[in-house]
């Protein structure tokens, strides 16, 4: 996709603002690719400017440029927003460039070739046809930016819970990146409200208050306001009050803790969505994984290397896991997870 943009004759416009647009625009500039303008959804225009560009509406962009190349620069799983992206894609040449949430570089052809052996190893370890189809589609999406590859492989959380995780009424659950309690509620839904215990971990203070409020009536549920890592120490954390809060070099001081230290006994299921800290979290869970072999749901979309580094790391710890891969409806390839059973 990036090479194709170099020779594009139509004007290139960014759809959206924010961190994703910053990363995409910076990479385009690095490649010497000019951007003609920026547009946003009608409710977000509000006479704004973004990196020197006046932000306009899509209708205004059409009036000015006519046929254009549209680069989607934000993430969404909202059906009405996805449908609007589909509508624009029917009218214009549209891509949703894949840029990592954390870390540098892009998942382009050169990157793919450098890591071909790791990617093939992961593909070959996948346990079912849906996983292999999803993995192939996500890689093709990352290389091309074409959203049709995401649409052709998307499944639902219900499918993953009912056919892969198959939770019992006696789970000891660790929710790493519990946010406001939404994934605890999801867990309760698919266990029918029966469980042995829950440890819900959320480092962001604002999110943690919502988490404790939403779980206040649950028995045998412990909430911890720490960031998950490979050891017990202190670190810095960017408190953004949303899903993008993360461990970083600058930010508020916070306690770091490991799964092995927090577990305090048998764990049967771990969900891990820790904003780019998955590799450290896995390292801090080695004893728990080896001793109890819990079911694992691990996010695979924060960093370029997550697609191969995370499953290879888990397989090194516990070689006999069956590995599954799923993508829920989302643009770009967020809400993409590995399951280890």
C-alpha atoms as a PDB file:
ATOM      1  CA  UNK A   1       0.000   0.000   0.000  1.00  0.00           C
ATOM      2  CA  UNK A   2       2.700   2.474   0.976  1.00  0.00           C
ATOM      3  CA  UNK A   3       4.543   1.897  -2.325  1.00  0.00           C
ATOM      4  CA  UNK A   4       1.299   2.346  -4.260  1.00  0.00           C
ATOM      5  CA  UNK A   5       0.683   5.663  -2.526  1.00  0.00           C
ATOM      6  CA  UNK A   6       4.054   6.915  -3.758  1.00  0.00           C
ATOM      7  CA  UNK A   7       2.864   6.786  -7.367  1.00  0.00           C
ATOM      8  CA  UNK A   8      -0.742   7.834  -6.739  1.00  0.00           C
ATOM      9  CA  UNK A   9      -2.075  10.578  -8.994  1.00  0.00           C
ATOM     10  CA  UNK A  10      -5.250  11.312  -7.085  1.00  0.00           C
ATOM     11  CA  UNK A  11      -5.042  13.646  -4.047  1.00  0.00           C
ATOM     12  CA  UNK A  12      -4.567  11.830  -0.728  1.00  0.00           C
ATOM     13  CA  UNK A  13      -6.764  12.876   2.187  1.00  0.00           C
ATOM     14  CA  UNK A  14      -6.734  11.761   5.789  1.00  0.00           C
ATOM     15  CA  UNK A  15     -10.050  10.813   7.342  1.00  0.00           C
ATOM     16  CA  UNK A  16      -9.787  11.532  11.064  1.00  0.00           C
ATOM     17  CA  UNK A  17      -7.452  13.146  13.564  1.00  0.00           C
ATOM     18  CA  UNK A  18      -5.593  12.047  16.661  1.00  0.00           C
ATOM     19  CA  UNK A  19      -2.724   9.644  17.378  1.00  0.00           C
ATOM     20  CA  UNK A  20      -3.433   7.418  14.398  1.00  0.00           C
ATOM     21  CA  UNK A  21      -3.477  10.362  12.014  1.00  0.00           C
ATOM     22  CA  UNK A  22      -0.221  11.650  13.527  1.00  0.00           C
ATOM     23  CA  UNK A  23       1.514   8.314  12.914  1.00  0.00           C
ATOM     24  CA  UNK A  24       0.153   7.916   9.393  1.00  0.00           C
ATOM     25  CA  UNK A  25       1.006  11.491   8.427  1.00  0.00           C
ATOM     26  CA  UNK A  26       4.518  11.174   9.850  1.00  0.00           C
ATOM     27  CA  UNK A  27       5.128   7.961   7.902  1.00  0.00           C
ATOM     28  CA  UNK A  28       3.803   9.522   4.693  1.00  0.00           C
ATOM     29  CA  UNK A  29       6.169  12.448   5.170  1.00  0.00           C
ATOM     30  CA  UNK A  30       9.048  10.024   5.770  1.00  0.00           C
ATOM     31  CA  UNK A  31       8.262   8.415   2.407  1.00  0.00           C
ATOM     32  CA  UNK A  32       7.899  11.795   0.702  1.00  0.00           C
ATOM     33  CA  UNK A  33       4.187  11.346   0.048  1.00  0.00           C
ATOM     34  CA  UNK A  34       2.139  14.557   0.015  1.00  0.00           C
ATOM     35  CA  UNK A  35      -1.221  14.867   1.756  1.00  0.00           C
ATOM     36  CA  UNK A  36      -3.774  17.207   0.190  1.00  0.00           C
ATOM     37  CA  UNK A  37      -6.097  17.626   3.160  1.00  0.00           C
ATOM     38  CA  UNK A  38      -7.921  16.285   6.196  1.00  0.00           C
ATOM     39  CA  UNK A  39     -11.614  15.646   6.690  1.00  0.00           C
ATOM     40  CA  UNK A  40     -13.644  14.398   9.632  1.00  0.00           C
ATOM     41  CA  UNK A  41     -17.148  13.176  10.345  1.00  0.00           C
ATOM     42  CA  UNK A  42     -19.630  16.036  10.493  1.00  0.00           C
ATOM     43  CA  UNK A  43     -19.791  16.120  14.291  1.00  0.00           C
ATOM     44  CA  UNK A  44     -16.017  16.487  14.608  1.00  0.00           C
ATOM     45  CA  UNK A  45     -15.230  19.265  12.125  1.00  0.00           C
ATOM     46  CA  UNK A  46     -15.998  22.302  14.344  1.00  0.00           C
ATOM     47  CA  UNK A  47     -13.550  24.687  12.593  1.00  0.00           C
ATOM     48  CA  UNK A  48     -10.570  22.583  13.704  1.00  0.00           C
ATOM     49  CA  UNK A  49      -7.056  22.445  12.307  1.00  0.00           C
ATOM     50  CA  UNK A  50      -4.828  19.379  12.309  1.00  0.00           C
ATOM     51  CA  UNK A  51      -1.079  19.639  11.716  1.00  0.00           C
ATOM     52  CA  UNK A  52      -1.566  22.764   9.612  1.00  0.00           C
ATOM     53  CA  UNK A  53      -4.544  21.451   7.642  1.00  0.00           C
ATOM     54  CA  UNK A  54      -8.008  22.941   7.932  1.00  0.00           C
ATOM     55  CA  UNK A  55     -10.354  20.092   8.850  1.00  0.00           C
ATOM     56  CA  UNK A  56     -13.358  19.921   6.540  1.00  0.00           C
ATOM     57  CA  UNK A  57     -16.339  17.621   6.115  1.00  0.00           C
ATOM     58  CA  UNK A  58     -16.421  14.794   3.586  1.00  0.00           C
ATOM     59  CA  UNK A  59     -18.921  16.671   1.434  1.00  0.00           C
ATOM     60  CA  UNK A  60     -16.615  19.718   1.404  1.00  0.00           C
ATOM     61  CA  UNK A  61     -13.667  17.485   0.504  1.00  0.00           C
ATOM     62  CA  UNK A  62     -15.635  16.043  -2.433  1.00  0.00           C
ATOM     63  CA  UNK A  63     -16.490  19.531  -3.667  1.00  0.00           C
ATOM     64  CA  UNK A  64     -12.836  20.544  -3.569  1.00  0.00           C
ATOM     65  CA  UNK A  65     -11.065  17.393  -4.769  1.00  0.00           C
ATOM     66  CA  UNK A  66     -13.641  15.162  -6.470  1.00  0.00           C
ATOM     67  CA  UNK A  67     -12.029  11.720  -6.830  1.00  0.00           C
ATOM     68  CA  UNK A  68      -9.493  11.129  -4.056  1.00  0.00           C
ATOM     69  CA  UNK A  69      -7.637   8.520  -2.029  1.00  0.00           C
ATOM     70  CA  UNK A  70      -9.004   8.314   1.518  1.00  0.00           C
ATOM     71  CA  UNK A  71      -6.869   7.037   4.390  1.00  0.00           C
ATOM     72  CA  UNK A  72      -8.875   6.088   7.500  1.00  0.00           C
ATOM     73  CA  UNK A  73      -6.859   7.285  10.502  1.00  0.00           C
ATOM     74  CA  UNK A  74      -8.904   6.168  13.523  1.00  0.00           C
ATOM     75  CA  UNK A  75     -10.235   3.002  15.075  1.00  0.00           C
ATOM     76  CA  UNK A  76     -13.888   2.059  15.465  1.00  0.00           C
ATOM     77  CA  UNK A  77     -16.191  -0.867  16.096  1.00  0.00           C
ATOM     78  CA  UNK A  78     -19.380   1.192  15.962  1.00  0.00           C
ATOM     79  CA  UNK A  79     -21.669  -0.250  13.270  1.00  0.00           C
ATOM     80  CA  UNK A  80     -22.882   3.144  12.063  1.00  0.00           C
ATOM     81  CA  UNK A  81     -19.317   4.441  11.675  1.00  0.00           C
ATOM     82  CA  UNK A  82     -18.193   1.279   9.879  1.00  0.00           C
ATOM     83  CA  UNK A  83     -21.167   1.603   7.548  1.00  0.00           C
ATOM     84  CA  UNK A  84     -20.156   5.203   6.803  1.00  0.00           C
ATOM     85  CA  UNK A  85     -16.623   4.019   5.985  1.00  0.00           C
ATOM     86  CA  UNK A  86     -18.133   1.411   3.671  1.00  0.00           C
ATOM     87  CA  UNK A  87     -20.198   4.149   1.992  1.00  0.00           C
ATOM     88  CA  UNK A  88     -17.110   6.282   1.391  1.00  0.00           C
ATOM     89  CA  UNK A  89     -15.264   3.195   0.081  1.00  0.00           C
ATOM     90  CA  UNK A  90     -17.999   2.736  -2.539  1.00  0.00           C
ATOM     91  CA  UNK A  91     -17.313   6.274  -3.769  1.00  0.00           C
ATOM     92  CA  UNK A  92     -13.557   6.611  -3.329  1.00  0.00           C
ATOM     93  CA  UNK A  93     -10.346   4.599  -3.281  1.00  0.00           C
ATOM     94  CA  UNK A  94     -10.060   3.920   0.442  1.00  0.00           C
ATOM     95  CA  UNK A  95      -7.441   2.354   2.721  1.00  0.00           C
ATOM     96  CA  UNK A  96      -7.102   1.982   6.480  1.00  0.00           C
ATOM     97  CA  UNK A  97      -3.315   2.017   6.984  1.00  0.00           C
ATOM     98  CA  UNK A  98      -2.047  -0.305   9.691  1.00  0.00           C
ATOM     99  CA  UNK A  99       0.147   1.548  12.172  1.00  0.00           C
ATOM    100  CA  UNK A 100       0.999   0.118  15.605  1.00  0.00           C
ATOM    101  CA  UNK A 101      -0.735   1.472  18.699  1.00  0.00           C
ATOM    102  CA  UNK A 102       2.655   1.257  20.442  1.00  0.00           C
ATOM    103  CA  UNK A 103       6.153   1.061  19.005  1.00  0.00           C
ATOM    104  CA  UNK A 104       7.616   2.320  15.757  1.00  0.00           C
ATOM    105  CA  UNK A 105       7.641   1.247  12.129  1.00  0.00           C
ATOM    106  CA  UNK A 106       4.911  -0.283   9.997  1.00  0.00           C
ATOM    107  CA  UNK A 107       3.918  -3.804   9.033  1.00  0.00           C
ATOM    108  CA  UNK A 108       4.917  -3.453   5.372  1.00  0.00           C
ATOM    109  CA  UNK A 109       6.315  -5.912   2.835  1.00  0.00           C
ATOM    110  CA  UNK A 110       9.888  -5.543   4.083  1.00  0.00           C
ATOM    111  CA  UNK A 111       8.814  -6.154   7.679  1.00  0.00           C
ATOM    112  CA  UNK A 112       6.788  -9.175   6.635  1.00  0.00           C
ATOM    113  CA  UNK A 113       9.727 -10.674   4.730  1.00  0.00           C
ATOM    114  CA  UNK A 114      12.086 -10.100   7.672  1.00  0.00           C
ATOM    115  CA  UNK A 115       9.732 -12.045   9.922  1.00  0.00           C
ATOM    116  CA  UNK A 116       8.482 -14.555   7.392  1.00  0.00           C
ATOM    117  CA  UNK A 117       9.759 -17.599   9.303  1.00  0.00           C
ATOM    118  CA  UNK A 118       8.076 -16.500  12.566  1.00  0.00           C
ATOM    119  CA  UNK A 119       4.810 -15.717  10.778  1.00  0.00           C
ATOM    120  CA  UNK A 120       4.855 -19.114   9.054  1.00  0.00           C
ATOM    121  CA  UNK A 121       5.580 -20.843  12.361  1.00  0.00           C
ATOM    122  CA  UNK A 122       2.533 -19.220  13.949  1.00  0.00           C
ATOM    123  CA  UNK A 123       0.320 -19.968  10.947  1.00  0.00           C
ATOM    124  CA  UNK A 124       1.339 -23.634  11.098  1.00  0.00           C
ATOM    125  CA  UNK A 125       0.550 -23.924  14.812  1.00  0.00           C
ATOM    126  CA  UNK A 126      -3.029 -22.636  14.455  1.00  0.00           C
ATOM    127  CA  UNK A 127      -5.639 -25.205  15.423  1.00  0.00           C
ATOM    128  CA  UNK A 128      -8.529 -24.654  12.984  1.00  0.00           C
ATOM    129  CA  UNK A 129      -9.423 -23.367   9.530  1.00  0.00           C
ATOM    130  CA  UNK A 130     -11.062 -20.214  10.880  1.00  0.00           C
ATOM    131  CA  UNK A 131      -7.834 -19.292  12.684  1.00  0.00           C
ATOM    132  CA  UNK A 132      -5.726 -19.846   9.576  1.00  0.00           C
ATOM    133  CA  UNK A 133      -8.158 -17.890   7.394  1.00  0.00           C
ATOM    134  CA  UNK A 134      -8.236 -15.055   9.940  1.00  0.00           C
ATOM    135  CA  UNK A 135      -4.446 -14.958  10.251  1.00  0.00           C
ATOM    136  CA  UNK A 136      -4.021 -14.869   6.467  1.00  0.00           C
ATOM    137  CA  UNK A 137      -6.664 -12.134   6.140  1.00  0.00           C
ATOM    138  CA  UNK A 138      -5.155  -9.957   8.880  1.00  0.00           C
ATOM    139  CA  UNK A 139      -1.683 -10.191   7.317  1.00  0.00           C
ATOM    140  CA  UNK A 140      -3.129  -9.298   3.898  1.00  0.00           C
ATOM    141  CA  UNK A 141      -4.973  -6.358   5.466  1.00  0.00           C
ATOM    142  CA  UNK A 142      -1.806  -5.105   7.156  1.00  0.00           C
ATOM    143  CA  UNK A 143       0.102  -5.223   3.875  1.00  0.00           C
ATOM    144  CA  UNK A 144      -2.583  -3.613   1.709  1.00  0.00           C
ATOM    145  CA  UNK A 145      -4.714  -1.464   4.022  1.00  0.00           C
ATOM    146  CA  UNK A 146      -7.785  -2.908   2.262  1.00  0.00           C
ATOM    147  CA  UNK A 147     -10.655  -3.254   4.707  1.00  0.00           C
ATOM    148  CA  UNK A 148     -12.333  -6.051   2.755  1.00  0.00           C
ATOM    149  CA  UNK A 149      -9.820  -8.447   4.298  1.00  0.00           C
ATOM    150  CA  UNK A 150     -11.087  -7.526   7.764  1.00  0.00           C
ATOM    151  CA  UNK A 151     -14.725  -7.913   6.769  1.00  0.00           C
ATOM    152  CA  UNK A 152     -14.142 -11.375   5.348  1.00  0.00           C
ATOM    153  CA  UNK A 153     -12.658 -12.806   8.557  1.00  0.00           C
ATOM    154  CA  UNK A 154     -14.605 -11.161  11.380  1.00  0.00           C
ATOM    155  CA  UNK A 155     -16.345 -13.344  13.970  1.00  0.00           C
ATOM    156  CA  UNK A 156     -18.149 -12.583  17.235  1.00  0.00           C
ATOM    157  CA  UNK A 157     -17.186 -12.859  20.902  1.00  0.00           C
ATOM    158  CA  UNK A 158     -20.033 -15.363  21.282  1.00  0.00           C
ATOM    159  CA  UNK A 159     -18.335 -17.708  18.814  1.00  0.00           C
ATOM    160  CA  UNK A 160     -15.053 -17.532  20.716  1.00  0.00           C
ATOM    161  CA  UNK A 161     -16.674 -18.071  24.115  1.00  0.00           C
ATOM    162  CA  UNK A 162     -18.967 -20.876  22.993  1.00  0.00           C
ATOM    163  CA  UNK A 163     -16.614 -22.788  20.693  1.00  0.00           C
ATOM    164  CA  UNK A 164     -13.111 -22.046  22.021  1.00  0.00           C
ATOM    165  CA  UNK A 165     -13.059 -20.880  25.648  1.00  0.00           C
ATOM    166  CA  UNK A 166     -16.095 -22.864  26.833  1.00  0.00           C
ATOM    167  CA  UNK A 167     -15.943 -21.480  30.347  1.00  0.00           C
ATOM    168  CA  UNK A 168     -17.209 -23.555  33.251  1.00  0.00           C
ATOM    169  CA  UNK A 169     -18.974 -22.475  36.441  1.00  0.00           C
ATOM    170  CA  UNK A 170     -15.762 -22.953  38.433  1.00  0.00           C
ATOM    171  CA  UNK A 171     -13.346 -20.560  36.773  1.00  0.00           C
ATOM    172  CA  UNK A 172     -10.706 -18.598  38.657  1.00  0.00           C
ATOM    173  CA  UNK A 173     -10.417 -15.609  36.351  1.00  0.00           C
ATOM    174  CA  UNK A 174      -7.716 -12.934  36.047  1.00  0.00           C
ATOM    175  CA  UNK A 175      -8.810  -9.944  33.989  1.00  0.00           C
ATOM    176  CA  UNK A 176      -5.669  -8.013  33.049  1.00  0.00           C
ATOM    177  CA  UNK A 177      -6.767  -4.655  31.684  1.00  0.00           C
ATOM    178  CA  UNK A 178     -10.225  -4.778  33.224  1.00  0.00           C
ATOM    179  CA  UNK A 179     -11.059  -1.184  32.161  1.00  0.00           C
ATOM    180  CA  UNK A 180     -14.433  -0.251  33.703  1.00  0.00           C
ATOM    181  CA  UNK A 181     -15.589  -3.804  34.354  1.00  0.00           C
ATOM    182  CA  UNK A 182     -17.005  -4.515  30.902  1.00  0.00           C
ATOM    183  CA  UNK A 183     -14.971  -7.696  30.412  1.00  0.00           C
ATOM    184  CA  UNK A 184     -15.821  -8.863  33.938  1.00  0.00           C
ATOM    185  CA  UNK A 185     -19.482  -8.469  32.954  1.00  0.00           C
ATOM    186  CA  UNK A 186     -18.795 -10.383  29.746  1.00  0.00           C
ATOM    187  CA  UNK A 187     -17.175 -13.177  31.763  1.00  0.00           C
ATOM    188  CA  UNK A 188     -20.179 -13.328  34.090  1.00  0.00           C
ATOM    189  CA  UNK A 189     -22.538 -13.501  31.129  1.00  0.00           C
ATOM    190  CA  UNK A 190     -20.795 -16.518  29.630  1.00  0.00           C
ATOM    191  CA  UNK A 191     -20.453 -18.347  32.952  1.00  0.00           C
ATOM    192  CA  UNK A 192     -24.037 -17.669  33.964  1.00  0.00           C
ATOM    193  CA  UNK A 193     -22.776 -15.653  36.931  1.00  0.00           C
ATOM    194  CA  UNK A 194     -21.084 -18.668  38.582  1.00  0.00           C
ATOM    195  CA  UNK A 195     -17.328 -18.678  39.264  1.00  0.00           C
ATOM    196  CA  UNK A 196     -14.780 -19.465  41.957  1.00  0.00           C
ATOM    197  CA  UNK A 197     -13.022 -16.082  42.064  1.00  0.00           C
ATOM    198  CA  UNK A 198     -12.101 -13.021  40.028  1.00  0.00           C
ATOM    199  CA  UNK A 199      -8.965 -10.874  40.142  1.00  0.00           C
ATOM    200  CA  UNK A 200      -9.578  -7.714  38.071  1.00  0.00           C
ATOM    201  CA  UNK A 201      -6.511  -5.565  37.368  1.00  0.00           C
ATOM    202  CA  UNK A 202      -6.750  -1.998  36.064  1.00  0.00           C
ATOM    203  CA  UNK A 203      -3.932   0.574  36.392  1.00  0.00           C
ATOM    204  CA  UNK A 204      -5.732   3.752  35.326  1.00  0.00           C
ATOM    205  CA  UNK A 205      -7.181   5.478  38.397  1.00  0.00           C
ATOM    206  CA  UNK A 206     -10.300   6.823  36.686  1.00  0.00           C
ATOM    207  CA  UNK A 207     -11.059   3.459  35.098  1.00  0.00           C
ATOM    208  CA  UNK A 208     -10.327   1.712  38.392  1.00  0.00           C
ATOM    209  CA  UNK A 209     -12.990   3.749  40.183  1.00  0.00           C
ATOM    210  CA  UNK A 210     -15.521   2.657  37.570  1.00  0.00           C
ATOM    211  CA  UNK A 211     -14.317  -0.934  37.886  1.00  0.00           C
ATOM    212  CA  UNK A 212     -14.739  -1.032  41.658  1.00  0.00           C
ATOM    213  CA  UNK A 213     -18.167   0.560  41.341  1.00  0.00           C
ATOM    214  CA  UNK A 214     -19.372  -1.915  38.720  1.00  0.00           C
ATOM    215  CA  UNK A 215     -18.103  -4.950  40.675  1.00  0.00           C
ATOM    216  CA  UNK A 216     -18.984  -3.772  44.189  1.00  0.00           C
ATOM    217  CA  UNK A 217     -21.716  -6.386  44.687  1.00  0.00           C
ATOM    218  CA  UNK A 218     -19.691  -9.354  43.442  1.00  0.00           C
ATOM    219  CA  UNK A 219     -18.441 -11.916  45.921  1.00  0.00           C
ATOM    220  CA  UNK A 220     -14.910 -13.305  45.682  1.00  0.00           C
ATOM    221  CA  UNK A 221     -13.901 -10.468  43.368  1.00  0.00           C
ATOM    222  CA  UNK A 222     -10.664  -8.598  44.077  1.00  0.00           C
ATOM    223  CA  UNK A 223      -9.803  -5.397  42.194  1.00  0.00           C
ATOM    224  CA  UNK A 224      -6.191  -4.246  41.973  1.00  0.00           C
ATOM    225  CA  UNK A 225      -4.996  -0.804  40.905  1.00  0.00           C
ATOM    226  CA  UNK A 226      -1.628  -1.892  39.491  1.00  0.00           C
ATOM    227  CA  UNK A 227      -0.010  -2.292  36.082  1.00  0.00           C
ATOM    228  CA  UNK A 228       0.895  -5.817  35.022  1.00  0.00           C
ATOM    229  CA  UNK A 229       4.548  -6.504  34.327  1.00  0.00           C
ATOM    230  CA  UNK A 230       7.204  -9.193  34.715  1.00  0.00           C
ATOM    231  CA  UNK A 231       8.089  -8.315  38.305  1.00  0.00           C
ATOM    232  CA  UNK A 232       7.024  -6.332  41.376  1.00  0.00           C
ATOM    233  CA  UNK A 233       8.358  -2.778  41.235  1.00  0.00           C
ATOM    234  CA  UNK A 234       7.275   0.763  40.383  1.00  0.00           C
ATOM    235  CA  UNK A 235       6.915   2.448  37.031  1.00  0.00           C
ATOM    236  CA  UNK A 236       5.370   5.365  35.179  1.00  0.00           C
ATOM    237  CA  UNK A 237       1.888   5.247  33.734  1.00  0.00           C
ATOM    238  CA  UNK A 238      -0.005   7.627  31.429  1.00  0.00           C
ATOM    239  CA  UNK A 239      -3.456   8.024  33.006  1.00  0.00           C
ATOM    240  CA  UNK A 240      -5.679   8.852  30.036  1.00  0.00           C
ATOM    241  CA  UNK A 241      -8.956   7.688  31.556  1.00  0.00           C
ATOM    242  CA  UNK A 242      -9.715   5.394  28.633  1.00  0.00           C
ATOM    243  CA  UNK A 243      -8.567   2.232  26.935  1.00  0.00           C
ATOM    244  CA  UNK A 244      -5.312   3.817  25.765  1.00  0.00           C
ATOM    245  CA  UNK A 245      -3.775   4.376  29.196  1.00  0.00           C
ATOM    246  CA  UNK A 246      -0.358   2.732  29.226  1.00  0.00           C
ATOM    247  CA  UNK A 247       2.994   2.185  30.901  1.00  0.00           C
ATOM    248  CA  UNK A 248       5.430   4.800  29.623  1.00  0.00           C
ATOM    249  CA  UNK A 249       8.599   6.706  30.507  1.00  0.00           C
ATOM    250  CA  UNK A 250       6.662   9.724  31.708  1.00  0.00           C
ATOM    251  CA  UNK A 251       3.504   9.818  33.776  1.00  0.00           C
ATOM    252  CA  UNK A 252       2.240   9.127  37.261  1.00  0.00           C
ATOM    253  CA  UNK A 253       4.109   6.658  39.439  1.00  0.00           C
ATOM    254  CA  UNK A 254       2.306   3.325  39.819  1.00  0.00           C
ATOM    255  CA  UNK A 255       2.946  -0.074  41.294  1.00  0.00           C
ATOM    256  CA  UNK A 256       3.870  -2.855  38.879  1.00  0.00           C
ATOM    257  CA  UNK A 257       3.012  -6.437  39.738  1.00  0.00           C
ATOM    258  CA  UNK A 258       3.217  -9.845  38.081  1.00  0.00           C
ATOM    259  CA  UNK A 259       0.579 -12.492  37.497  1.00  0.00           C
ATOM    260  CA  UNK A 260       2.643 -15.009  39.442  1.00  0.00           C
ATOM    261  CA  UNK A 261       2.697 -12.724  42.484  1.00  0.00           C
ATOM    262  CA  UNK A 262      -0.992 -11.800  42.319  1.00  0.00           C
ATOM    263  CA  UNK A 263      -2.414 -15.240  41.524  1.00  0.00           C
ATOM    264  CA  UNK A 264      -2.256 -16.677  45.042  1.00  0.00           C
ATOM    265  CA  UNK A 265      -3.365 -20.121  43.891  1.00  0.00           C
ATOM    266  CA  UNK A 266      -4.913 -21.845  40.917  1.00  0.00           C
ATOM    267  CA  UNK A 267      -5.935 -19.697  37.940  1.00  0.00           C
ATOM    268  CA  UNK A 268      -8.019 -21.270  35.167  1.00  0.00           C
ATOM    269  CA  UNK A 269      -8.549 -18.352  32.757  1.00  0.00           C
ATOM    270  CA  UNK A 270      -6.554 -15.189  32.008  1.00  0.00           C
ATOM    271  CA  UNK A 271      -7.635 -12.375  29.706  1.00  0.00           C
ATOM    272  CA  UNK A 272      -4.712 -10.123  28.795  1.00  0.00           C
ATOM    273  CA  UNK A 273      -5.248  -6.745  27.109  1.00  0.00           C
ATOM    274  CA  UNK A 274      -2.553  -4.553  28.632  1.00  0.00           C
ATOM    275  CA  UNK A 275      -1.819  -1.914  25.990  1.00  0.00           C
ATOM    276  CA  UNK A 276       1.446  -3.173  24.554  1.00  0.00           C
ATOM    277  CA  UNK A 277       2.802  -4.731  27.766  1.00  0.00           C
ATOM    278  CA  UNK A 278       1.712  -8.261  26.836  1.00  0.00           C
ATOM    279  CA  UNK A 279       5.230  -9.670  26.490  1.00  0.00           C
ATOM    280  CA  UNK A 280       6.210  -8.443  29.952  1.00  0.00           C
ATOM    281  CA  UNK A 281       2.931  -9.711  31.405  1.00  0.00           C
ATOM    282  CA  UNK A 282       3.508 -13.161  29.901  1.00  0.00           C
ATOM    283  CA  UNK A 283       7.031 -13.245  31.342  1.00  0.00           C
ATOM    284  CA  UNK A 284       5.558 -12.496  34.767  1.00  0.00           C
ATOM    285  CA  UNK A 285       3.036 -15.328  34.365  1.00  0.00           C
ATOM    286  CA  UNK A 286       5.403 -18.178  33.477  1.00  0.00           C
ATOM    287  CA  UNK A 287       5.009 -20.084  36.750  1.00  0.00           C
ATOM    288  CA  UNK A 288       1.204 -19.770  36.674  1.00  0.00           C
ATOM    289  CA  UNK A 289       1.057 -20.914  33.054  1.00  0.00           C
ATOM    290  CA  UNK A 290       3.362 -23.899  33.630  1.00  0.00           C
ATOM    291  CA  UNK A 291       1.711 -25.005  36.869  1.00  0.00           C
ATOM    292  CA  UNK A 292      -1.995 -24.476  36.095  1.00  0.00           C
ATOM    293  CA  UNK A 293      -2.129 -24.217  32.278  1.00  0.00           C
ATOM    294  CA  UNK A 294      -4.987 -21.677  32.307  1.00  0.00           C
ATOM    295  CA  UNK A 295      -7.012 -20.818  29.234  1.00  0.00           C
ATOM    296  CA  UNK A 296      -5.559 -17.626  27.769  1.00  0.00           C
ATOM    297  CA  UNK A 297      -7.057 -14.794  25.725  1.00  0.00           C
ATOM    298  CA  UNK A 298      -4.248 -12.455  24.630  1.00  0.00           C
ATOM    299  CA  UNK A 299      -4.681  -9.317  22.535  1.00  0.00           C
ATOM    300  CA  UNK A 300      -2.556  -9.309  19.393  1.00  0.00           C
ATOM    301  CA  UNK A 301      -2.874  -5.808  17.919  1.00  0.00           C
ATOM    302  CA  UNK A 302      -0.917  -3.296  20.001  1.00  0.00           C
ATOM    303  CA  UNK A 303       2.539  -3.821  18.459  1.00  0.00           C
ATOM    304  CA  UNK A 304       3.685  -4.983  15.025  1.00  0.00           C
ATOM    305  CA  UNK A 305       5.436  -8.015  16.512  1.00  0.00           C
ATOM    306  CA  UNK A 306       2.419  -9.179  18.553  1.00  0.00           C
ATOM    307  CA  UNK A 307       1.222 -11.279  15.637  1.00  0.00           C
ATOM    308  CA  UNK A 308       4.152 -13.667  16.028  1.00  0.00           C
ATOM    309  CA  UNK A 309       6.097 -12.797  19.193  1.00  0.00           C
ATOM    310  CA  UNK A 310       3.258 -13.481  21.646  1.00  0.00           C
ATOM    311  CA  UNK A 311       2.246 -16.979  20.450  1.00  0.00           C
ATOM    312  CA  UNK A 312       5.882 -18.020  20.133  1.00  0.00           C
ATOM    313  CA  UNK A 313       6.529 -16.798  23.688  1.00  0.00           C
ATOM    314  CA  UNK A 314       3.561 -18.776  25.044  1.00  0.00           C
ATOM    315  CA  UNK A 315       4.551 -21.904  23.110  1.00  0.00           C
ATOM    316  CA  UNK A 316       8.042 -21.676  24.617  1.00  0.00           C
ATOM    317  CA  UNK A 317       6.494 -21.771  28.097  1.00  0.00           C
ATOM    318  CA  UNK A 318       3.826 -24.407  27.400  1.00  0.00           C
ATOM    319  CA  UNK A 319       4.256 -26.266  24.070  1.00  0.00           C
ATOM    320  CA  UNK A 320       1.040 -28.310  24.257  1.00  0.00           C
ATOM    321  CA  UNK A 321      -1.473 -25.454  24.005  1.00  0.00           C
ATOM    322  CA  UNK A 322      -3.906 -25.480  21.097  1.00  0.00           C
ATOM    323  CA  UNK A 323      -3.776 -22.024  19.501  1.00  0.00           C
ATOM    324  CA  UNK A 324      -6.723 -20.158  17.953  1.00  0.00           C
ATOM    325  CA  UNK A 325      -6.934 -16.715  16.349  1.00  0.00           C
ATOM    326  CA  UNK A 326      -9.983 -14.471  15.936  1.00  0.00           C
ATOM    327  CA  UNK A 327     -10.843 -10.934  14.809  1.00  0.00           C
ATOM    328  CA  UNK A 328     -13.984  -9.164  16.038  1.00  0.00           C
ATOM    329  CA  UNK A 329     -15.605  -6.413  13.901  1.00  0.00           C
ATOM    330  CA  UNK A 330     -13.218  -3.449  14.048  1.00  0.00           C
ATOM    331  CA  UNK A 331     -11.363  -1.066  11.737  1.00  0.00           C
ATOM    332  CA  UNK A 332      -8.327  -1.294  11.794  1.00  0.00           C
ATOM    333  CA  UNK A 333      -7.334  -4.826  12.947  1.00  0.00           C
ATOM    334  CA  UNK A 334      -7.996  -4.128  16.627  1.00  0.00           C
ATOM    335  CA  UNK A 335      -9.966  -6.575  18.754  1.00  0.00           C
ATOM    336  CA  UNK A 336      -7.789  -9.339  17.319  1.00  0.00           C
ATOM    337  CA  UNK A 337      -6.907 -12.059  19.822  1.00  0.00           C
ATOM    338  CA  UNK A 338      -5.010 -15.283  20.306  1.00  0.00           C
ATOM    339  CA  UNK A 339      -6.635 -18.024  22.390  1.00  0.00           C
ATOM    340  CA  UNK A 340      -4.583 -20.745  24.072  1.00  0.00           C
ATOM    341  CA  UNK A 341      -6.542 -23.774  25.216  1.00  0.00           C
END
